[in-house]
Amino acid sequence: MTETGNHETALAWGKFNYPDSPEAHHQAFASLVVFAVEKPTRRYKVIDTMRTYVGINKILAIAQPGCLSFDEAVTLLKTDCYGPITREHADVYKQCRFKGDCSEDISDAKLILQQRQGISPCETSVDREAN
């Protein structure tokens, strides 16, 4: 991927504001910002993670790709890219498994899905050991 000024600026913004976040979160955020602010925009340039799919859905719910300002994109996307995994992220994980997802995000999504089914993580591990 050729990095644009928006990509580099978003990457720098993310690393400054969330220095302890995994690189996967920074890359997801930067690729989504580019998708939100640049024309022409290409979906294939956005990395595939559960975080980016939630972000794409938010962008498409309020605007056309490429129609947001940089600041609007940052405000819209920062929580989905840097915040905790939510039910929305977990629903995406349930449908798709992406190589770009970091292991902590996968664990959090699995935990949410287990809780929704009424299965505690302890019961799940006991069941696996028993079989």
C-alpha atoms as a PDB file:
ATOM      1  CA  MET A   1       0.000   0.000   0.000  1.00  0.00           C
ATOM      2  CA  THR A   2       1.342   3.407  -0.893  1.00  0.00           C
ATOM      3  CA  GLU A   3       1.084   5.585   2.160  1.00  0.00           C
ATOM      4  CA  THR A   4      -0.655   8.906   1.653  1.00  0.00           C
ATOM      5  CA  GLY A   5      -0.276  11.984   3.792  1.00  0.00           C
ATOM      6  CA  ASN A   6      -3.568  11.123   5.488  1.00  0.00           C
ATOM      7  CA  HIS A   7      -2.367   7.598   6.226  1.00  0.00           C
ATOM      8  CA  GLU A   8       0.889   8.840   7.712  1.00  0.00           C
ATOM      9  CA  THR A   9      -0.887  11.550   9.729  1.00  0.00           C
ATOM     10  CA  ALA A  10      -3.481   9.087  11.072  1.00  0.00           C
ATOM     11  CA  LEU A  11      -0.766   6.574  11.962  1.00  0.00           C
ATOM     12  CA  ALA A  12       1.180   9.267  13.815  1.00  0.00           C
ATOM     13  CA  TRP A  13      -2.001  10.474  15.559  1.00  0.00           C
ATOM     14  CA  GLY A  14      -2.833   6.965  16.731  1.00  0.00           C
ATOM     15  CA  LYS A  15       0.676   6.184  17.948  1.00  0.00           C
ATOM     16  CA  PHE A  16       0.824   9.491  19.825  1.00  0.00           C
ATOM     17  CA  ASN A  17      -2.606   9.163  21.461  1.00  0.00           C
ATOM     18  CA  TYR A  18      -2.554   5.376  21.996  1.00  0.00           C
ATOM     19  CA  PRO A  19       1.141   4.507  22.335  1.00  0.00           C
ATOM     20  CA  ASP A  20       0.503   1.153  24.049  1.00  0.00           C
ATOM     21  CA  SER A  21      -1.921  -0.144  21.413  1.00  0.00           C
ATOM     22  CA  PRO A  22      -0.874  -2.995  19.115  1.00  0.00           C
ATOM     23  CA  GLU A  23       0.338  -2.162  15.625  1.00  0.00           C
ATOM     24  CA  ALA A  24      -2.785  -3.863  14.226  1.00  0.00           C
ATOM     25  CA  HIS A  25      -4.937  -1.159  15.852  1.00  0.00           C
ATOM     26  CA  HIS A  26      -2.791   1.632  14.387  1.00  0.00           C
ATOM     27  CA  GLN A  27      -2.921   0.115  10.902  1.00  0.00           C
ATOM     28  CA  ALA A  28      -6.688  -0.434  11.125  1.00  0.00           C
ATOM     29  CA  PHE A  29      -7.223   3.171  12.211  1.00  0.00           C
ATOM     30  CA  ALA A  30      -4.973   4.667   9.532  1.00  0.00           C
ATOM     31  CA  SER A  31      -6.503   2.611   6.720  1.00  0.00           C
ATOM     32  CA  LEU A  32     -10.024   3.557   7.846  1.00  0.00           C
ATOM     33  CA  VAL A  33      -9.181   7.256   8.008  1.00  0.00           C
ATOM     34  CA  VAL A  34      -7.925   7.097   4.422  1.00  0.00           C
ATOM     35  CA  PHE A  35     -11.137   5.305   3.391  1.00  0.00           C
ATOM     36  CA  ALA A  36     -13.197   8.002   5.115  1.00  0.00           C
ATOM     37  CA  VAL A  37     -11.394  11.081   3.751  1.00  0.00           C
ATOM     38  CA  GLU A  38      -9.840  10.342   0.356  1.00  0.00           C
ATOM     39  CA  LYS A  39     -11.360  10.229  -3.115  1.00  0.00           C
ATOM     40  CA  PRO A  40     -11.105   8.050  -5.033  1.00  0.00           C
ATOM     41  CA  THR A  41     -11.231   5.500  -2.259  1.00  0.00           C
ATOM     42  CA  ARG A  42     -10.823   1.777  -2.548  1.00  0.00           C
ATOM     43  CA  ARG A  43     -12.245  -0.742  -0.067  1.00  0.00           C
ATOM     44  CA  TYR A  44      -9.438  -3.204  -0.822  1.00  0.00           C
ATOM     45  CA  LYS A  45      -6.918  -0.787   0.723  1.00  0.00           C
ATOM     46  CA  VAL A  46      -8.543  -1.119   4.155  1.00  0.00           C
ATOM     47  CA  ILE A  47      -6.921  -3.921   6.136  1.00  0.00           C
ATOM     48  CA  ASP A  48      -9.236  -6.738   7.199  1.00  0.00           C
ATOM     49  CA  THR A  49      -9.936  -6.834  10.919  1.00  0.00           C
ATOM     50  CA  MET A  50     -13.104  -6.907  12.982  1.00  0.00           C
ATOM     51  CA  ARG A  51     -12.261  -3.335  14.020  1.00  0.00           C
ATOM     52  CA  THR A  52     -12.133  -2.093  10.426  1.00  0.00           C
ATOM     53  CA  TYR A  53     -15.422  -3.759   9.505  1.00  0.00           C
ATOM     54  CA  VAL A  54     -17.169  -1.983  12.365  1.00  0.00           C
ATOM     55  CA  GLY A  55     -15.556   1.280  11.231  1.00  0.00           C
ATOM     56  CA  ILE A  56     -16.558   0.786   7.588  1.00  0.00           C
ATOM     57  CA  ASN A  57     -20.154   0.222   8.662  1.00  0.00           C
ATOM     58  CA  LYS A  58     -20.074   3.480  10.655  1.00  0.00           C
ATOM     59  CA  ILE A  59     -18.638   5.423   7.722  1.00  0.00           C
ATOM     60  CA  LEU A  60     -21.239   4.023   5.320  1.00  0.00           C
ATOM     61  CA  ALA A  61     -24.067   4.773   7.762  1.00  0.00           C
ATOM     62  CA  ILE A  62     -23.359   8.507   7.750  1.00  0.00           C
ATOM     63  CA  ALA A  63     -21.513   9.401   4.559  1.00  0.00           C
ATOM     64  CA  GLN A  64     -19.983   8.244   1.324  1.00  0.00           C
ATOM     65  CA  PRO A  65     -16.392   7.026   1.603  1.00  0.00           C
ATOM     66  CA  GLY A  66     -14.043   9.920   0.952  1.00  0.00           C
ATOM     67  CA  CYS A  67     -16.487  12.571   2.181  1.00  0.00           C
ATOM     68  CA  LEU A  68     -15.391  13.135   5.780  1.00  0.00           C
ATOM     69  CA  SER A  69     -12.801  15.579   7.023  1.00  0.00           C
ATOM     70  CA  PHE A  70      -9.752  14.194   8.793  1.00  0.00           C
ATOM     71  CA  ASP A  71     -11.024  15.404  12.178  1.00  0.00           C
ATOM     72  CA  GLU A  72     -14.495  13.950  11.560  1.00  0.00           C
ATOM     73  CA  ALA A  73     -12.942  10.595  10.664  1.00  0.00           C
ATOM     74  CA  VAL A  74     -10.763  10.583  13.788  1.00  0.00           C
ATOM     75  CA  THR A  75     -13.749  11.371  16.014  1.00  0.00           C
ATOM     76  CA  LEU A  76     -15.897   8.713  14.343  1.00  0.00           C
ATOM     77  CA  LEU A  77     -13.316   5.902  14.289  1.00  0.00           C
ATOM     78  CA  LYS A  78     -11.032   6.215  17.313  1.00  0.00           C
ATOM     79  CA  THR A  79     -13.242   4.289  19.736  1.00  0.00           C
ATOM     80  CA  ASP A  80     -13.813   1.387  17.346  1.00  0.00           C
ATOM     81  CA  CYS A  81     -10.111   1.116  16.577  1.00  0.00           C
ATOM     82  CA  TYR A  82      -8.653   1.777  20.018  1.00  0.00           C
ATOM     83  CA  GLY A  83     -11.462   1.098  22.471  1.00  0.00           C
ATOM     84  CA  PRO A  84     -12.551  -2.214  23.925  1.00  0.00           C
ATOM     85  CA  ILE A  85     -14.040  -4.935  21.769  1.00  0.00           C
ATOM     86  CA  THR A  86     -17.834  -4.589  21.745  1.00  0.00           C
ATOM     87  CA  ARG A  87     -20.748  -6.813  20.794  1.00  0.00           C
ATOM     88  CA  GLU A  88     -20.601  -5.284  17.333  1.00  0.00           C
ATOM     89  CA  HIS A  89     -16.961  -6.356  16.944  1.00  0.00           C
ATOM     90  CA  ALA A  90     -17.815  -9.814  18.299  1.00  0.00           C
ATOM     91  CA  ASP A  91     -20.633 -10.176  15.768  1.00  0.00           C
ATOM     92  CA  VAL A  92     -18.175  -9.445  12.968  1.00  0.00           C
ATOM     93  CA  TYR A  93     -15.737 -11.980  14.439  1.00  0.00           C
ATOM     94  CA  LYS A  94     -18.531 -14.579  14.563  1.00  0.00           C
ATOM     95  CA  GLN A  95     -19.071 -14.119  10.818  1.00  0.00           C
ATOM     96  CA  CYS A  96     -15.452 -13.721   9.665  1.00  0.00           C
ATOM     97  CA  ARG A  97     -11.999 -14.640  10.875  1.00  0.00           C
ATOM     98  CA  PHE A  98      -9.285 -12.207   9.792  1.00  0.00           C
ATOM     99  CA  LYS A  99      -5.539 -12.706   9.888  1.00  0.00           C
ATOM    100  CA  GLY A 100      -5.136  -9.042  10.848  1.00  0.00           C
ATOM    101  CA  ASP A 101      -6.941  -9.383  14.184  1.00  0.00           C
ATOM    102  CA  CYS A 102      -4.667  -9.346  17.210  1.00  0.00           C
ATOM    103  CA  SER A 103      -4.927 -12.193  19.721  1.00  0.00           C
ATOM    104  CA  GLU A 104      -6.312  -9.991  22.524  1.00  0.00           C
ATOM    105  CA  ASP A 105      -9.143  -8.802  20.290  1.00  0.00           C
ATOM    106  CA  ILE A 106      -9.970 -12.393  19.338  1.00  0.00           C
ATOM    107  CA  SER A 107     -10.017 -13.469  22.987  1.00  0.00           C
ATOM    108  CA  ASP A 108     -12.273 -10.553  23.920  1.00  0.00           C
ATOM    109  CA  ALA A 109     -14.658 -11.285  21.033  1.00  0.00           C
ATOM    110  CA  LYS A 110     -14.851 -14.959  22.002  1.00  0.00           C
ATOM    111  CA  LEU A 111     -15.585 -14.015  25.597  1.00  0.00           C
ATOM    112  CA  ILE A 112     -18.444 -11.720  24.535  1.00  0.00           C
ATOM    113  CA  LEU A 113     -19.891 -14.443  22.314  1.00  0.00           C
ATOM    114  CA  GLN A 114     -19.665 -17.003  25.129  1.00  0.00           C
ATOM    115  CA  GLN A 115     -21.352 -14.627  27.564  1.00  0.00           C
ATOM    116  CA  ARG A 116     -24.182 -14.021  25.107  1.00  0.00           C
ATOM    117  CA  GLN A 117     -24.750 -17.768  24.944  1.00  0.00           C
ATOM    118  CA  GLY A 118     -24.794 -17.955  28.732  1.00  0.00           C
ATOM    119  CA  ILE A 119     -21.616 -20.029  28.939  1.00  0.00           C
ATOM    120  CA  SER A 120     -18.964 -18.916  31.354  1.00  0.00           C
ATOM    121  CA  PRO A 121     -15.352 -19.122  30.159  1.00  0.00           C
ATOM    122  CA  CYS A 122     -14.596 -21.529  33.025  1.00  0.00           C
ATOM    123  CA  GLU A 123     -17.347 -23.915  31.935  1.00  0.00           C
ATOM    124  CA  THR A 124     -16.035 -23.863  28.386  1.00  0.00           C
ATOM    125  CA  SER A 125     -12.499 -24.772  29.441  1.00  0.00           C
ATOM    126  CA  VAL A 126     -13.789 -27.536  31.747  1.00  0.00           C
ATOM    127  CA  ASP A 127     -15.881 -28.983  28.935  1.00  0.00           C
ATOM    128  CA  ARG A 128     -12.904 -29.027  26.603  1.00  0.00           C
ATOM    129  CA  GLU A 129     -10.733 -30.766  29.180  1.00  0.00           C
ATOM    130  CA  ALA A 130     -13.419 -33.374  29.853  1.00  0.00           C
ATOM    131  CA  ASN A 131     -13.734 -34.324  26.165  1.00  0.00           C
END
